[in-house]
Amino acid sequence: MKKLLIFSFIILLAGAGYWYFIYQKKADAKTVYEFAEVTRGNIENLISSTGTIQPVRTVEVGTEVSGKIEKVNVDFNDMVKKGQVLAILDTTFLSSAVRDAQASIVRAEAQYHKSQKDYEFNKQLFDKQLASELELLGVETTMKTNYASLQSAKSALERSQFNFDHAVIRSPISGKVINRNIEEGQTVQASFSTPTLFLIAENLAKIEIHARVDESDIGQIREGQEVRFTVEAYFDKEFSGAVRQVRLQPQTISNVVTYTVVVDAENTESLLMPGMTATVEFVVDKKENVLLVPNSALRVQPTEEMLASMRARWEGRRGEGEAYAGQGRPRPGGGNYDRNAGGGFQRNGGGNFQINQGEGSQRNMSDRMARLWTKDDKGDYSVIMARKGITDGKMTEILENERLQEGMQLVSNVIQPTTAAQATPNRGMDMRVMGRVMGGR
């Protein structure tokens, strides 16, 4: 029995210690507020994408003649001029074909001239009624057949001469050889399709980027728009360009629709190479010397402490106004405050602080307006409503506001205690709830 009492006492003592430790820790827990400064500077609204660097113009050089490559005169990265000999095919069989075609023409001409003389002779006999019409028709047919053979032989000579001439492969443009697909001794076949022997870029001092832009962003892209881009090979260097073309042909991959945007850029230093992947930023809008706040300050949700402080402040102002009214004098500043559709606070001369939704929904107002929380020297919290401008994802422009000044400290983060006794949900308040608090209702 004695042991049972001792054990129960130990359990009771441990429970009391645990209770004291937990609740004392809860009592010591406090909400931590982080602050950020309102700054003034430059900001840009950017659209990011990736693309592939390509030459402005490339030409695939092939061959229309089959045969063995006898000689290759150029290599990768060689500069060539228009008309320069790039490679030569073996012309042994090609020259033989030309000579055969020439011989066929001589034979066809001889046969045609003989048949022409036979026709003239038989025509004279027919005119003197010494030859029948059938005999004249046979001679005439032979003459025309030999004439057709002569024309066919001439065509064969033209084809043979064409193949012989094209055994010498020349550059169609001036530029740089960026690819070569042949070696000396290799046999190429041009019977079914033209094989590509060389790929020549006309001018690598200028390049273009084919960037893929999402359909949700393509509406903000326009011709002539400023573009900045980087490549992995030179991660510390930034290049610039401009939008030349927005192509209308969409491309759908995994249900994502994108459009090709062609960007022109200079490559005077010859650092950019075809095929490089570029990280592209399209400058949609930019502002200079504007008020900036961190985006974290726009997402702050008020705590009970902040709401209570603001409510007490507004109740004090309302009491002061009523005191003035009881003495027959107008309230300081005249009237209470009203929230209009434009996003600011204004006095309406009426009752408590209210929010008049006016035109447009609360969602649209939230998209345009920013709620910024400040703390004065007395420790009182207040909210400043301001219109938002452009954002770069980290900072947001705040349009000029008389209550918001450079260097002002804003609440940028609220760290709530994790214990249940001290912590309260950091819930968001819509504009109606804030109106009731600031109106004292």
Protein backbone atom coordinates (compact mmCIF):
# COMPACT_ATOMS: atom_id res chain seq x y z
CA MET A 1 0.00 0.00 0.00
CA LYS A 2 2.85 2.31 0.92
CA LYS A 3 4.59 1.60 -2.39
CA LEU A 4 1.38 2.40 -4.25
CA LEU A 5 1.10 5.78 -2.52
CA ILE A 6 4.74 6.59 -3.30
CA PHE A 7 4.24 5.62 -6.96
CA SER A 8 1.08 7.73 -7.18
CA PHE A 9 2.92 10.69 -5.65
CA ILE A 10 5.72 10.36 -8.19
CA ILE A 11 3.21 10.26 -11.06
CA LEU A 12 1.43 13.32 -9.69
CA LEU A 13 4.70 15.19 -9.29
CA ALA A 14 5.80 14.33 -12.84
CA GLY A 15 2.44 15.48 -14.22
CA ALA A 16 2.70 18.76 -12.35
CA GLY A 17 6.19 19.31 -13.68
CA TYR A 18 5.10 18.55 -17.20
CA TRP A 19 2.11 20.90 -16.88
CA TYR A 20 4.31 23.67 -15.49
CA PHE A 21 6.93 23.22 -18.23
CA ILE A 22 4.43 23.16 -21.11
CA TYR A 23 2.25 26.02 -19.99
CA GLN A 24 5.17 28.14 -18.86
CA LYS A 25 6.70 27.63 -22.29
CA LYS A 26 3.37 28.60 -23.85
CA ALA A 27 3.22 31.71 -21.76
CA ASP A 28 6.74 32.69 -22.81
CA ALA A 29 6.02 32.15 -26.51
CA LYS A 30 5.63 35.35 -28.47
CA THR A 31 4.85 36.27 -32.03
CA VAL A 32 7.90 37.47 -33.95
CA TYR A 33 7.51 40.26 -36.47
CA GLU A 34 10.01 40.81 -39.27
CA PHE A 35 10.27 44.18 -41.02
CA ALA A 36 11.45 45.35 -44.43
CA GLU A 37 12.25 48.82 -45.70
CA VAL A 38 10.52 50.72 -48.46
CA THR A 39 13.18 51.48 -51.06
CA ARG A 40 13.39 53.47 -54.26
CA GLY A 41 14.95 52.05 -57.41
CA ASN A 42 14.40 50.47 -60.81
CA ILE A 43 12.20 47.48 -61.57
CA GLU A 44 11.43 45.38 -64.62
CA ASN A 45 8.61 43.04 -65.53
CA LEU A 46 10.13 40.10 -67.40
CA ILE A 47 8.93 36.99 -69.20
CA SER A 48 11.40 34.12 -69.10
CA SER A 49 11.83 31.45 -71.73
CA THR A 50 14.43 29.22 -73.35
CA GLY A 51 15.45 28.94 -76.97
CA THR A 52 18.05 27.65 -79.38
CA ILE A 53 20.64 29.80 -81.12
CA GLN A 54 20.66 29.44 -84.90
CA PRO A 55 22.34 31.21 -87.82
CA VAL A 56 20.21 33.79 -89.57
CA ARG A 57 20.60 31.93 -92.88
CA THR A 58 21.99 28.49 -93.64
CA VAL A 59 22.29 26.63 -96.94
CA GLU A 60 22.58 22.88 -97.33
CA VAL A 61 24.98 22.08 -100.16
CA GLY A 62 24.28 18.76 -101.86
CA THR A 63 25.02 16.99 -105.11
CA GLU A 64 22.72 16.15 -108.00
CA VAL A 65 25.25 13.64 -109.34
CA SER A 66 26.10 10.20 -108.03
CA GLY A 67 29.70 9.14 -107.80
CA LYS A 68 32.81 8.84 -105.68
CA ILE A 69 34.24 11.88 -103.88
CA GLU A 70 37.66 12.45 -105.38
CA LYS A 71 38.70 15.55 -103.45
CA VAL A 72 37.42 17.68 -100.55
CA ASN A 73 38.82 21.21 -100.45
CA VAL A 74 37.27 22.60 -97.24
CA ASP A 75 36.88 21.55 -93.63
CA PHE A 76 34.79 22.52 -90.61
CA ASN A 77 34.78 26.25 -89.74
CA ASP A 78 36.43 27.25 -93.03
CA MET A 79 35.37 30.57 -94.54
CA VAL A 80 34.29 30.18 -98.16
CA LYS A 81 33.24 32.58 -100.91
CA LYS A 82 30.41 32.24 -103.38
CA GLY A 83 31.49 30.01 -106.30
CA GLN A 84 34.44 28.50 -104.44
CA VAL A 85 35.10 24.80 -105.15
CA LEU A 86 34.19 22.72 -102.13
CA ALA A 87 34.61 19.17 -103.48
CA ILE A 88 35.13 17.30 -106.74
CA LEU A 89 33.57 13.99 -107.80
CA ASP A 90 35.38 11.38 -109.85
CA THR A 91 34.68 12.36 -113.50
CA THR A 92 35.92 9.21 -115.24
CA PHE A 93 32.47 7.85 -116.07
CA LEU A 94 30.98 11.30 -116.45
CA SER A 95 33.45 12.32 -119.15
CA SER A 96 32.86 8.99 -120.94
CA ALA A 97 29.13 9.66 -120.90
CA VAL A 98 29.76 13.06 -122.52
CA ARG A 99 31.85 11.50 -125.30
CA ASP A 100 29.21 8.81 -125.89
CA ALA A 101 26.53 11.47 -126.15
CA GLN A 102 28.64 13.45 -128.63
CA ALA A 103 29.15 10.33 -130.75
CA SER A 104 25.43 9.62 -130.69
CA ILE A 105 24.78 13.09 -132.04
CA VAL A 106 27.20 12.58 -134.93
CA ARG A 107 25.54 9.26 -135.82
CA ALA A 108 22.04 10.73 -135.54
CA GLU A 109 22.97 13.73 -137.69
CA ALA A 110 24.37 11.46 -140.41
CA GLN A 111 21.27 9.33 -140.47
CA TYR A 112 19.03 12.39 -140.54
CA HIS A 113 20.90 14.02 -143.42
CA LYS A 114 20.76 10.79 -145.47
CA SER A 115 17.04 10.36 -144.85
CA GLN A 116 16.52 14.04 -145.74
CA LYS A 117 18.24 13.53 -149.12
CA ASP A 118 16.19 10.37 -149.74
CA TYR A 119 13.01 12.32 -149.05
CA GLU A 120 13.97 15.12 -151.45
CA PHE A 121 14.80 12.62 -154.21
CA ASN A 122 11.58 10.65 -153.79
CA LYS A 123 9.59 13.88 -153.64
CA GLN A 124 10.89 14.79 -157.12
CA LEU A 125 9.96 11.31 -158.43
CA PHE A 126 6.50 11.68 -156.86
CA ASP A 127 6.01 15.05 -158.51
CA LYS A 128 6.84 13.43 -161.89
CA GLN A 129 4.50 10.58 -161.05
CA LEU A 130 7.42 8.14 -161.07
CA ALA A 131 6.95 7.13 -157.39
CA SER A 132 3.85 6.21 -155.47
CA GLU A 133 2.48 8.11 -152.51
CA LEU A 134 3.14 5.15 -150.24
CA GLU A 135 6.83 5.14 -151.12
CA LEU A 136 7.05 8.88 -150.39
CA LEU A 137 5.30 8.41 -147.06
CA GLY A 138 7.79 5.71 -146.00
CA VAL A 139 10.77 7.90 -146.82
CA GLU A 140 9.21 10.88 -145.01
CA THR A 141 8.58 8.76 -141.90
CA THR A 142 12.19 7.62 -141.83
CA MET A 143 13.41 11.22 -142.11
CA LYS A 144 11.23 12.38 -139.19
CA THR A 145 12.28 9.41 -137.07
CA ASN A 146 15.95 10.20 -137.63
CA TYR A 147 15.27 13.85 -136.74
CA ALA A 148 13.71 12.75 -133.43
CA SER A 149 16.74 10.55 -132.73
CA LEU A 150 18.98 13.54 -133.35
CA GLN A 151 17.04 15.65 -130.84
CA SER A 152 17.18 12.85 -128.28
CA ALA A 153 20.94 12.55 -128.75
CA LYS A 154 21.30 16.28 -128.14
CA SER A 155 19.28 16.00 -124.93
CA ALA A 156 21.47 13.13 -123.80
CA LEU A 157 24.53 15.28 -124.41
CA GLU A 158 23.02 18.11 -122.34
CA ARG A 159 22.37 15.72 -119.44
CA SER A 160 25.83 14.26 -119.64
CA GLN A 161 27.41 17.69 -119.81
CA PHE A 162 25.27 18.86 -116.85
CA ASN A 163 26.42 15.90 -114.73
CA PHE A 164 30.01 16.50 -115.72
CA ASP A 165 29.83 20.19 -114.82
CA HIS A 166 28.18 19.45 -111.48
CA ALA A 167 30.86 17.02 -110.53
CA VAL A 168 32.59 20.14 -109.25
CA ILE A 169 30.62 21.24 -106.14
CA ARG A 170 30.74 24.98 -105.53
CA SER A 171 29.53 27.13 -102.66
CA PRO A 172 26.24 28.93 -103.43
CA ILE A 173 26.89 31.67 -100.82
CA SER A 174 29.73 33.25 -98.91
CA GLY A 175 29.92 32.10 -95.30
CA LYS A 176 31.38 29.57 -92.90
CA VAL A 177 31.26 25.77 -93.15
CA ILE A 178 29.56 24.59 -89.96
CA ASN A 179 29.07 20.96 -91.01
CA ARG A 180 30.70 18.51 -93.42
CA ASN A 181 29.24 15.07 -94.10
CA ILE A 182 31.67 13.60 -96.64
CA GLU A 183 35.20 12.25 -96.84
CA GLU A 184 37.47 11.59 -99.80
CA GLY A 185 36.73 8.21 -101.37
CA GLN A 186 33.13 8.17 -100.12
CA THR A 187 30.44 7.30 -102.68
CA VAL A 188 27.30 9.42 -102.78
CA GLN A 189 24.01 8.43 -104.37
CA ALA A 190 21.67 11.10 -105.71
CA SER A 191 19.19 8.76 -107.39
CA PHE A 192 16.31 9.20 -104.92
CA SER A 193 17.20 12.25 -102.79
CA THR A 194 19.90 14.88 -102.76
CA PRO A 195 22.49 14.06 -100.08
CA THR A 196 23.69 16.99 -97.94
CA LEU A 197 27.46 17.32 -98.18
CA PHE A 198 28.04 20.67 -96.45
CA LEU A 199 26.09 23.09 -94.27
CA ILE A 200 27.14 26.71 -94.70
CA ALA A 201 26.08 29.59 -92.46
CA GLU A 202 25.97 32.87 -94.32
CA ASN A 203 26.98 35.24 -91.50
CA LEU A 204 27.62 34.21 -87.90
CA ALA A 205 28.20 37.83 -86.88
CA LYS A 206 24.42 37.89 -86.56
CA ILE A 207 22.40 35.09 -85.02
CA GLU A 208 18.78 34.45 -84.17
CA ILE A 209 17.14 32.68 -81.25
CA HIS A 210 14.03 30.56 -81.63
CA ALA A 211 12.41 30.87 -78.20
CA ARG A 212 9.31 28.97 -77.08
CA VAL A 213 6.84 31.23 -75.22
CA ASP A 214 3.84 29.91 -73.31
CA GLU A 215 0.38 30.87 -74.59
CA SER A 216 -0.35 32.69 -71.31
CA ASP A 217 2.55 35.09 -71.98
CA ILE A 218 2.53 35.41 -75.76
CA GLY A 219 0.09 38.34 -75.63
CA GLN A 220 2.78 40.48 -73.98
CA ILE A 221 5.36 39.84 -76.71
CA ARG A 222 5.63 42.37 -79.52
CA GLU A 223 8.00 43.06 -82.41
CA GLY A 224 10.99 45.22 -81.52
CA GLN A 225 10.74 44.32 -77.82
CA GLU A 226 13.98 44.41 -75.82
CA VAL A 227 15.42 41.00 -75.01
CA ARG A 228 18.27 39.86 -72.77
CA PHE A 229 19.69 36.35 -72.75
CA THR A 230 22.50 34.24 -71.37
CA VAL A 231 24.12 30.96 -72.37
CA GLU A 232 25.69 28.36 -70.11
CA ALA A 233 29.08 28.69 -71.80
CA TYR A 234 29.36 32.31 -70.60
CA PHE A 235 27.22 32.36 -67.46
CA ASP A 236 28.71 35.69 -66.30
CA LYS A 237 28.00 37.52 -69.59
CA GLU A 238 24.68 38.94 -70.68
CA PHE A 239 23.73 39.43 -74.33
CA SER A 240 21.01 41.61 -75.80
CA GLY A 241 18.69 41.42 -78.77
CA ALA A 242 15.25 42.34 -80.08
CA VAL A 243 12.12 40.46 -81.11
CA ARG A 244 11.88 40.18 -84.89
CA GLN A 245 8.92 37.86 -85.38
CA VAL A 246 6.14 36.11 -83.47
CA ARG A 247 5.18 33.02 -85.45
CA LEU A 248 1.52 32.04 -85.47
CA GLN A 249 2.03 28.30 -85.78
CA PRO A 250 1.47 26.78 -82.30
CA GLN A 251 3.21 23.74 -80.91
CA THR A 252 1.50 21.54 -78.32
CA ILE A 253 3.59 19.32 -76.05
CA SER A 254 1.94 17.53 -73.09
CA ASN A 255 -1.13 19.78 -73.46
CA VAL A 256 1.07 22.89 -73.18
CA VAL A 257 0.69 25.31 -76.09
CA THR A 258 3.71 27.42 -77.01
CA TYR A 259 4.61 29.78 -79.84
CA THR A 260 7.96 30.43 -81.51
CA VAL A 261 9.40 33.91 -81.07
CA VAL A 262 12.38 34.82 -83.28
CA VAL A 263 14.95 37.09 -81.62
CA ASP A 264 17.73 38.85 -83.53
CA ALA A 265 21.07 39.42 -81.81
CA GLU A 266 24.60 40.49 -82.67
CA ASN A 267 27.52 38.07 -82.41
CA THR A 268 30.43 40.36 -83.16
CA GLU A 269 32.67 38.59 -80.65
CA SER A 270 31.89 35.17 -82.20
CA LEU A 271 31.07 33.76 -78.77
CA LEU A 272 27.64 32.40 -79.65
CA MET A 273 27.53 29.12 -81.55
CA PRO A 274 24.67 27.45 -83.40
CA GLY A 275 22.76 25.00 -81.22
CA MET A 276 23.48 26.70 -77.89
CA THR A 277 20.60 26.88 -75.44
CA ALA A 278 19.79 30.44 -74.43
CA THR A 279 17.88 31.55 -71.35
CA VAL A 280 15.82 34.45 -72.65
CA GLU A 281 14.16 37.31 -70.77
CA PHE A 282 11.67 39.52 -72.60
CA VAL A 283 11.43 43.00 -71.07
CA VAL A 284 7.68 43.64 -70.91
CA ASP A 285 7.88 46.83 -68.87
CA LYS A 286 10.40 48.71 -66.76
CA LYS A 287 10.23 51.63 -64.37
CA GLU A 288 12.97 53.81 -62.92
CA ASN A 289 13.21 55.58 -59.58
CA VAL A 290 9.95 54.20 -58.13
CA LEU A 291 8.93 53.06 -54.66
CA LEU A 292 9.56 49.35 -54.14
CA VAL A 293 8.40 46.93 -51.47
CA PRO A 294 9.25 43.23 -51.12
CA ASN A 295 6.49 40.88 -52.18
CA SER A 296 6.53 39.26 -48.75
CA ALA A 297 5.09 42.50 -47.31
CA LEU A 298 2.09 42.13 -49.62
CA ARG A 299 1.26 38.69 -48.26
CA VAL A 300 1.24 39.53 -44.55
CA GLN A 301 -1.96 38.48 -42.78
CA PRO A 302 -2.77 40.47 -39.60
CA THR A 303 -2.58 38.77 -36.21
CA GLU A 304 -4.99 39.36 -33.34
CA GLU A 305 -2.43 41.68 -31.78
CA MET A 306 -2.22 43.79 -34.94
CA LEU A 307 -5.99 43.94 -35.31
CA ALA A 308 -6.51 44.85 -31.67
CA SER A 309 -3.90 47.61 -31.91
CA MET A 310 -5.48 49.04 -35.04
CA ARG A 311 -8.96 48.79 -33.57
CA ALA A 312 -7.94 50.61 -30.41
CA ARG A 313 -6.35 53.31 -32.50
CA TRP A 314 -9.49 53.86 -34.56
CA GLU A 315 -11.74 53.76 -31.50
CA GLY A 316 -9.57 56.48 -29.95
CA ARG A 317 -9.94 58.61 -33.05
CA ARG A 318 -13.69 58.06 -33.11
CA GLY A 319 -13.99 59.03 -29.43
CA GLU A 320 -11.97 62.15 -30.08
CA GLY A 321 -14.25 63.03 -32.98
CA GLU A 322 -17.36 62.56 -30.87
CA ALA A 323 -15.90 64.80 -28.18
CA TYR A 324 -15.34 67.52 -30.71
CA ALA A 325 -18.87 67.04 -32.05
CA GLY A 326 -20.33 67.36 -28.52
CA GLN A 327 -18.65 70.74 -28.18
CA GLY A 328 -20.26 71.92 -31.39
CA ARG A 329 -17.01 71.68 -33.32
CA PRO A 330 -16.28 69.57 -36.41
CA ARG A 331 -14.29 66.42 -35.99
CA PRO A 332 -10.59 66.60 -36.83
CA GLY A 333 -10.34 66.09 -40.54
CA GLY A 334 -14.13 66.01 -40.72
CA GLY A 335 -16.13 62.77 -40.87
CA ASN A 336 -15.26 59.11 -40.78
CA TYR A 337 -13.46 57.14 -43.42
CA ASP A 338 -14.86 55.20 -46.30
CA ARG A 339 -13.20 52.73 -48.65
CA ASN A 340 -14.06 53.49 -52.25
CA ALA A 341 -13.72 51.40 -55.39
CA GLY A 342 -10.56 53.27 -56.35
CA GLY A 343 -8.65 51.57 -53.57
CA GLY A 344 -8.04 54.44 -51.05
CA PHE A 345 -9.69 55.67 -47.86
CA GLN A 346 -11.86 58.76 -47.92
CA ARG A 347 -14.07 60.55 -45.43
CA ASN A 348 -17.78 60.20 -46.06
CA GLY A 349 -19.13 62.33 -43.23
CA GLY A 350 -21.24 59.41 -42.09
CA GLY A 351 -21.02 56.86 -39.35
CA ASN A 352 -18.35 54.33 -38.69
CA PHE A 353 -15.55 53.31 -40.99
CA GLN A 354 -17.02 51.27 -43.84
CA ILE A 355 -15.99 49.75 -47.12
CA ASN A 356 -18.05 50.65 -50.12
CA GLN A 357 -17.44 47.97 -52.75
CA GLY A 358 -18.71 50.26 -55.51
CA GLU A 359 -17.86 49.07 -59.00
CA GLY A 360 -15.88 45.93 -59.52
CA SER A 361 -15.51 42.88 -57.35
CA GLN A 362 -13.34 42.43 -54.30
CA ARG A 363 -11.13 40.10 -56.30
CA ASN A 364 -10.38 42.77 -58.88
CA MET A 365 -9.67 45.26 -56.11
CA SER A 366 -7.28 42.81 -54.49
CA ASP A 367 -5.40 42.44 -57.74
CA ARG A 368 -4.87 46.19 -57.97
CA MET A 369 -4.43 47.10 -54.31
CA ALA A 370 -1.80 46.31 -51.71
CA ARG A 371 -2.29 46.17 -47.93
CA LEU A 372 0.90 47.21 -46.17
CA TRP A 373 1.23 46.98 -42.38
CA THR A 374 3.37 49.44 -40.41
CA LYS A 375 4.25 49.95 -36.77
CA ASP A 376 4.75 53.43 -35.34
CA ASP A 377 7.01 54.57 -32.51
CA LYS A 378 4.25 53.91 -29.96
CA GLY A 379 3.97 50.29 -31.03
CA ASP A 380 0.62 50.73 -32.77
CA TYR A 381 -0.04 48.89 -36.01
CA SER A 382 -1.81 50.44 -38.96
CA VAL A 383 -2.52 49.47 -42.55
CA ILE A 384 -1.78 51.49 -45.66
CA MET A 385 -3.76 50.84 -48.81
CA ALA A 386 -1.77 51.50 -51.97
CA ARG A 387 -1.99 50.75 -55.66
CA LYS A 388 0.38 48.17 -57.06
CA GLY A 389 2.43 48.61 -60.21
CA ILE A 390 4.66 46.10 -62.00
CA THR A 391 6.57 43.31 -60.26
CA ASP A 392 9.67 41.28 -60.97
CA GLY A 393 8.68 38.40 -58.70
CA LYS A 394 10.65 39.68 -55.71
CA MET A 395 9.81 43.37 -55.50
CA THR A 396 6.65 45.25 -56.44
CA GLU A 397 6.25 48.84 -57.53
CA ILE A 398 3.98 50.95 -55.34
CA LEU A 399 2.44 53.93 -57.07
CA GLU A 400 3.07 57.23 -55.35
CA ASN A 401 1.24 57.37 -52.03
CA GLU A 402 1.40 60.25 -49.53
CA ARG A 403 1.37 57.86 -46.57
CA LEU A 404 4.15 55.68 -47.92
CA GLN A 405 7.67 57.10 -47.92
CA GLU A 406 11.12 55.80 -48.76
CA GLY A 407 12.80 54.27 -45.71
CA MET A 408 9.52 53.35 -43.96
CA GLN A 409 9.52 50.00 -42.18
CA LEU A 410 6.83 47.49 -43.19
CA VAL A 411 5.87 44.19 -41.65
CA SER A 412 7.27 41.60 -44.03
CA ASN A 413 6.73 38.38 -42.10
CA VAL A 414 4.89 37.13 -39.04
CA ILE A 415 6.28 34.09 -37.24
CA GLN A 416 3.60 32.63 -35.01
CA PRO A 417 4.44 30.55 -31.89
CA THR A 418 3.91 26.86 -32.47
CA THR A 419 2.20 26.19 -29.12
CA ALA A 420 -1.57 25.97 -29.00
CA ALA A 421 -2.07 28.33 -26.07
CA GLN A 422 -0.29 31.32 -27.62
CA ALA A 423 -0.67 30.70 -31.34
CA THR A 424 -3.72 31.90 -33.21
CA PRO A 425 -4.43 31.13 -36.85
CA ASN A 426 -2.80 33.69 -39.10
CA ARG A 427 -6.00 33.90 -41.07
CA GLY A 428 -6.60 36.37 -43.86
CA MET A 429 -9.20 39.05 -43.57
CA ASP A 430 -11.23 40.32 -46.43
CA MET A 431 -11.93 44.00 -46.76
CA ARG A 432 -15.28 43.77 -44.97
CA VAL A 433 -13.76 42.28 -41.82
CA MET A 434 -11.04 44.94 -41.80
CA GLY A 435 -13.72 47.59 -42.17
CA ARG A 436 -15.61 46.34 -39.15
CA VAL A 437 -12.44 46.29 -37.06
CA MET A 438 -11.33 49.75 -38.10
CA GLY A 439 -14.92 50.96 -37.66
CA GLY A 440 -15.21 49.57 -34.20
CA ARG A 441 -18.08 47.22 -35.02
